[in-house]
C-alpha atoms as a PDB file:
ATOM      1  CA  UNK A   1      67.979  28.503  79.150  1.00  0.00           C
ATOM      2  CA  UNK A   2      68.769  25.263  77.033  1.00  0.00           C
ATOM      3  CA  UNK A   3      71.414  22.852  78.370  1.00  0.00           C
ATOM      4  CA  UNK A   4      74.757  23.346  77.259  1.00  0.00           C
ATOM      5  CA  UNK A   5      76.085  19.404  75.002  1.00  0.00           C
ATOM      6  CA  UNK A   6      79.027  18.378  76.921  1.00  0.00           C
ATOM      7  CA  UNK A   7      82.111  16.673  74.977  1.00  0.00           C
ATOM      8  CA  UNK A   8      85.573  15.012  76.862  1.00  0.00           C
ATOM      9  CA  UNK A   9      88.558  15.547  74.978  1.00  0.00           C
ATOM     10  CA  UNK A  10      88.954  11.940  74.319  1.00  0.00           C
ATOM     11  CA  UNK A  11      85.691  11.816  72.797  1.00  0.00           C
ATOM     12  CA  UNK A  12      86.885  14.396  70.284  1.00  0.00           C
ATOM     13  CA  UNK A  13      89.914  13.075  69.682  1.00  0.00           C
ATOM     14  CA  UNK A  14      88.686   9.895  68.431  1.00  0.00           C
ATOM     15  CA  UNK A  15      86.414  11.146  66.030  1.00  0.00           C
ATOM     16  CA  UNK A  16      87.239  10.967  62.156  1.00  0.00           C
ATOM     17  CA  UNK A  17      88.069  14.090  60.670  1.00  0.00           C
ATOM     18  CA  UNK A  18      86.908  13.193  57.251  1.00  0.00           C
ATOM     19  CA  UNK A  19      83.062  13.045  58.307  1.00  0.00           C
ATOM     20  CA  UNK A  20      83.602  15.462  61.658  1.00  0.00           C
ATOM     21  CA  UNK A  21      85.903  18.524  61.601  1.00  0.00           C
ATOM     22  CA  UNK A  22      85.434  19.465  65.322  1.00  0.00           C
ATOM     23  CA  UNK A  23      87.829  21.171  67.718  1.00  0.00           C
ATOM     24  CA  UNK A  24      87.925  23.053  70.954  1.00  0.00           C
ATOM     25  CA  UNK A  25      88.910  26.742  70.954  1.00  0.00           C
ATOM     26  CA  UNK A  26      88.793  28.141  74.640  1.00  0.00           C
ATOM     27  CA  UNK A  27      86.954  25.209  75.970  1.00  0.00           C
ATOM     28  CA  UNK A  28      84.466  25.633  73.226  1.00  0.00           C
ATOM     29  CA  UNK A  29      83.575  22.826  71.110  1.00  0.00           C
ATOM     30  CA  UNK A  30      83.158  23.473  67.165  1.00  0.00           C
ATOM     31  CA  UNK A  31      81.762  21.839  64.432  1.00  0.00           C
ATOM     32  CA  UNK A  32      83.550  23.350  61.127  1.00  0.00           C
ATOM     33  CA  UNK A  33      82.519  20.925  58.662  1.00  0.00           C
ATOM     34  CA  UNK A  34      80.138  22.626  56.848  1.00  0.00           C
ATOM     35  CA  UNK A  35      82.877  26.090  56.356  1.00  0.00           C
ATOM     36  CA  UNK A  36      85.696  23.720  55.128  1.00  0.00           C
ATOM     37  CA  UNK A  37      85.502  24.697  51.225  1.00  0.00           C
ATOM     38  CA  UNK A  38      84.932  28.736  52.606  1.00  0.00           C
ATOM     39  CA  UNK A  39      87.880  28.663  55.185  1.00  0.00           C
ATOM     40  CA  UNK A  40      90.117  31.390  53.726  1.00  0.00           C
ATOM     41  CA  UNK A  41      93.897  29.487  54.879  1.00  0.00           C
ATOM     42  CA  UNK A  42      91.681  26.501  53.568  1.00  0.00           C
ATOM     43  CA  UNK A  43      90.311  22.975  54.788  1.00  0.00           C
ATOM     44  CA  UNK A  44      93.685  21.401  55.312  1.00  0.00           C
ATOM     45  CA  UNK A  45      94.168  23.849  58.414  1.00  0.00           C
ATOM     46  CA  UNK A  46      90.888  23.465  59.632  1.00  0.00           C
ATOM     47  CA  UNK A  47      91.177  19.964  59.270  1.00  0.00           C
ATOM     48  CA  UNK A  48      94.550  19.559  60.565  1.00  0.00           C
ATOM     49  CA  UNK A  49      93.566  21.256  64.046  1.00  0.00           C
ATOM     50  CA  UNK A  50      90.582  18.513  64.063  1.00  0.00           C
ATOM     51  CA  UNK A  51      89.712  16.031  67.619  1.00  0.00           C
ATOM     52  CA  UNK A  52      92.563  18.315  69.206  1.00  0.00           C
ATOM     53  CA  UNK A  53      92.594  22.416  71.226  1.00  0.00           C
ATOM     54  CA  UNK A  54      92.977  24.648  68.919  1.00  0.00           C
ATOM     55  CA  UNK A  55      92.923  27.791  70.720  1.00  0.00           C
ATOM     56  CA  UNK A  56      96.702  28.625  70.473  1.00  0.00           C
ATOM     57  CA  UNK A  57      96.599  27.992  66.573  1.00  0.00           C
ATOM     58  CA  UNK A  58      93.638  30.327  66.222  1.00  0.00           C
ATOM     59  CA  UNK A  59      95.088  33.205  68.452  1.00  0.00           C
ATOM     60  CA  UNK A  60      98.821  32.977  66.401  1.00  0.00           C
ATOM     61  CA  UNK A  61      97.208  33.220  63.319  1.00  0.00           C
ATOM     62  CA  UNK A  62      95.606  36.729  64.347  1.00  0.00           C
ATOM     63  CA  UNK A  63      91.817  36.162  63.272  1.00  0.00           C
ATOM     64  CA  UNK A  64      89.727  39.611  62.664  1.00  0.00           C
ATOM     65  CA  UNK A  65      86.737  40.357  64.780  1.00  0.00           C
ATOM     66  CA  UNK A  66      84.911  39.056  61.738  1.00  0.00           C
ATOM     67  CA  UNK A  67      85.998  35.758  61.949  1.00  0.00           C
ATOM     68  CA  UNK A  68      85.549  35.622  65.809  1.00  0.00           C
ATOM     69  CA  UNK A  69      81.612  36.486  65.097  1.00  0.00           C
ATOM     70  CA  UNK A  70      81.612  33.918  62.237  1.00  0.00           C
ATOM     71  CA  UNK A  71      82.538  31.194  64.864  1.00  0.00           C
ATOM     72  CA  UNK A  72      79.533  32.131  66.790  1.00  0.00           C
ATOM     73  CA  UNK A  73      77.786  29.804  64.592  1.00  0.00           C
ATOM     74  CA  UNK A  74      79.876  26.506  64.122  1.00  0.00           C
ATOM     75  CA  UNK A  75      79.711  26.358  68.288  1.00  0.00           C
ATOM     76  CA  UNK A  76      78.023  23.032  69.050  1.00  0.00           C
ATOM     77  CA  UNK A  77      78.760  22.672  72.711  1.00  0.00           C
ATOM     78  CA  UNK A  78      82.003  22.663  75.657  1.00  0.00           C
ATOM     79  CA  UNK A  79      84.011  20.887  77.265  1.00  0.00           C
ATOM     80  CA  UNK A  80      83.201  18.910  80.868  1.00  0.00           C
ATOM     81  CA  UNK A  81      84.361  21.223  83.725  1.00  0.00           C
ATOM     82  CA  UNK A  82      87.009  18.514  84.451  1.00  0.00           C
ATOM     83  CA  UNK A  83      88.667  18.917  80.610  1.00  0.00           C
ATOM     84  CA  UNK A  84      88.660  22.470  80.508  1.00  0.00           C
ATOM     85  CA  UNK A  85      91.650  24.590  81.230  1.00  0.00           C
ATOM     86  CA  UNK A  86      92.312  27.811  82.459  1.00  0.00           C
ATOM     87  CA  UNK A  87      92.350  30.836  79.883  1.00  0.00           C
ATOM     88  CA  UNK A  88      95.110  32.203  79.770  1.00  0.00           C
ATOM     89  CA  UNK A  89      94.738  36.234  79.433  1.00  0.00           C
ATOM     90  CA  UNK A  90      96.037  37.625  75.663  1.00  0.00           C
ATOM     91  CA  UNK A  91      98.294  40.988  76.840  1.00  0.00           C
ATOM     92  CA  UNK A  92      98.141  43.100  73.457  1.00  0.00           C
ATOM     93  CA  UNK A  93     100.366  46.116  73.339  1.00  0.00           C
ATOM     94  CA  UNK A  94     100.922  48.608  70.829  1.00  0.00           C
ATOM     95  CA  UNK A  95     104.564  49.507  72.356  1.00  0.00           C
ATOM     96  CA  UNK A  96     107.850  47.234  71.897  1.00  0.00           C
ATOM     97  CA  UNK A  97     108.439  44.717  73.797  1.00  0.00           C
ATOM     98  CA  UNK A  98     111.372  45.255  76.497  1.00  0.00           C
ATOM     99  CA  UNK A  99     114.039  43.558  74.708  1.00  0.00           C
ATOM    100  CA  UNK A 100     113.105  45.878  71.019  1.00  0.00           C
ATOM    101  CA  UNK A 101     113.587  49.303  73.870  1.00  0.00           C
ATOM    102  CA  UNK A 102     116.670  48.001  74.947  1.00  0.00           C
ATOM    103  CA  UNK A 103     117.830  47.893  71.150  1.00  0.00           C
ATOM    104  CA  UNK A 104     121.048  50.250  70.097  1.00  0.00           C
ATOM    105  CA  UNK A 105     119.967  52.961  67.935  1.00  0.00           C
ATOM    106  CA  UNK A 106     122.590  51.522  65.104  1.00  0.00           C
ATOM    107  CA  UNK A 107     120.050  48.823  64.918  1.00  0.00           C
ATOM    108  CA  UNK A 108     116.981  50.974  65.086  1.00  0.00           C
ATOM    109  CA  UNK A 109     114.868  52.718  61.955  1.00  0.00           C
ATOM    110  CA  UNK A 110     116.262  55.767  63.001  1.00  0.00           C
ATOM    111  CA  UNK A 111     120.115  55.064  61.961  1.00  0.00           C
ATOM    112  CA  UNK A 112     119.183  54.423  58.491  1.00  0.00           C
ATOM    113  CA  UNK A 113     117.288  57.495  58.176  1.00  0.00           C
ATOM    114  CA  UNK A 114     119.813  59.876  60.080  1.00  0.00           C
ATOM    115  CA  UNK A 115     122.832  58.647  57.815  1.00  0.00           C
ATOM    116  CA  UNK A 116     120.056  59.353  54.287  1.00  0.00           C
ATOM    117  CA  UNK A 117     119.801  63.079  55.548  1.00  0.00           C
ATOM    118  CA  UNK A 118     123.324  63.332  56.207  1.00  0.00           C
ATOM    119  CA  UNK A 119     124.370  61.846  53.035  1.00  0.00           C
ATOM    120  CA  UNK A 120     121.762  63.993  50.763  1.00  0.00           C
ATOM    121  CA  UNK A 121     122.763  67.229  53.057  1.00  0.00           C
ATOM    122  CA  UNK A 122     126.770  66.691  51.572  1.00  0.00           C
ATOM    123  CA  UNK A 123     125.702  65.585  48.273  1.00  0.00           C
ATOM    124  CA  UNK A 124     124.333  68.776  48.200  1.00  0.00           C
ATOM    125  CA  UNK A 125     127.024  70.851  50.034  1.00  0.00           C
ATOM    126  CA  UNK A 126     130.224  69.406  48.341  1.00  0.00           C
ATOM    127  CA  UNK A 127     128.044  68.351  44.999  1.00  0.00           C
ATOM    128  CA  UNK A 128     125.865  71.235  44.537  1.00  0.00           C
END
């Protein structure tokens, strides 16, 4: 198995983003310089992330599975063990959060629906 090239955060932050667009996502180092013109969000987004940890930005955007697969071709190494951060498990839930579930009936989508049905029945009864 080939040795993986190791980088430090300091080394990556000192690189010139106009020549080399390199950043970190989940302790893995990517060089996306050849992808700049193809990136759907524009090259500015990638250049802005150059030289730093872009893990949170990457996840916040909500990239597709295809985008995550495409990333693999731009891997050039990983961080040295001293610079690695513990990866946080991202929790994905299809259910409403606790705050949203405690929302009142008046502020939910159910209230306007009920009012619409009630007004339709009342209109039909009074004017029908």
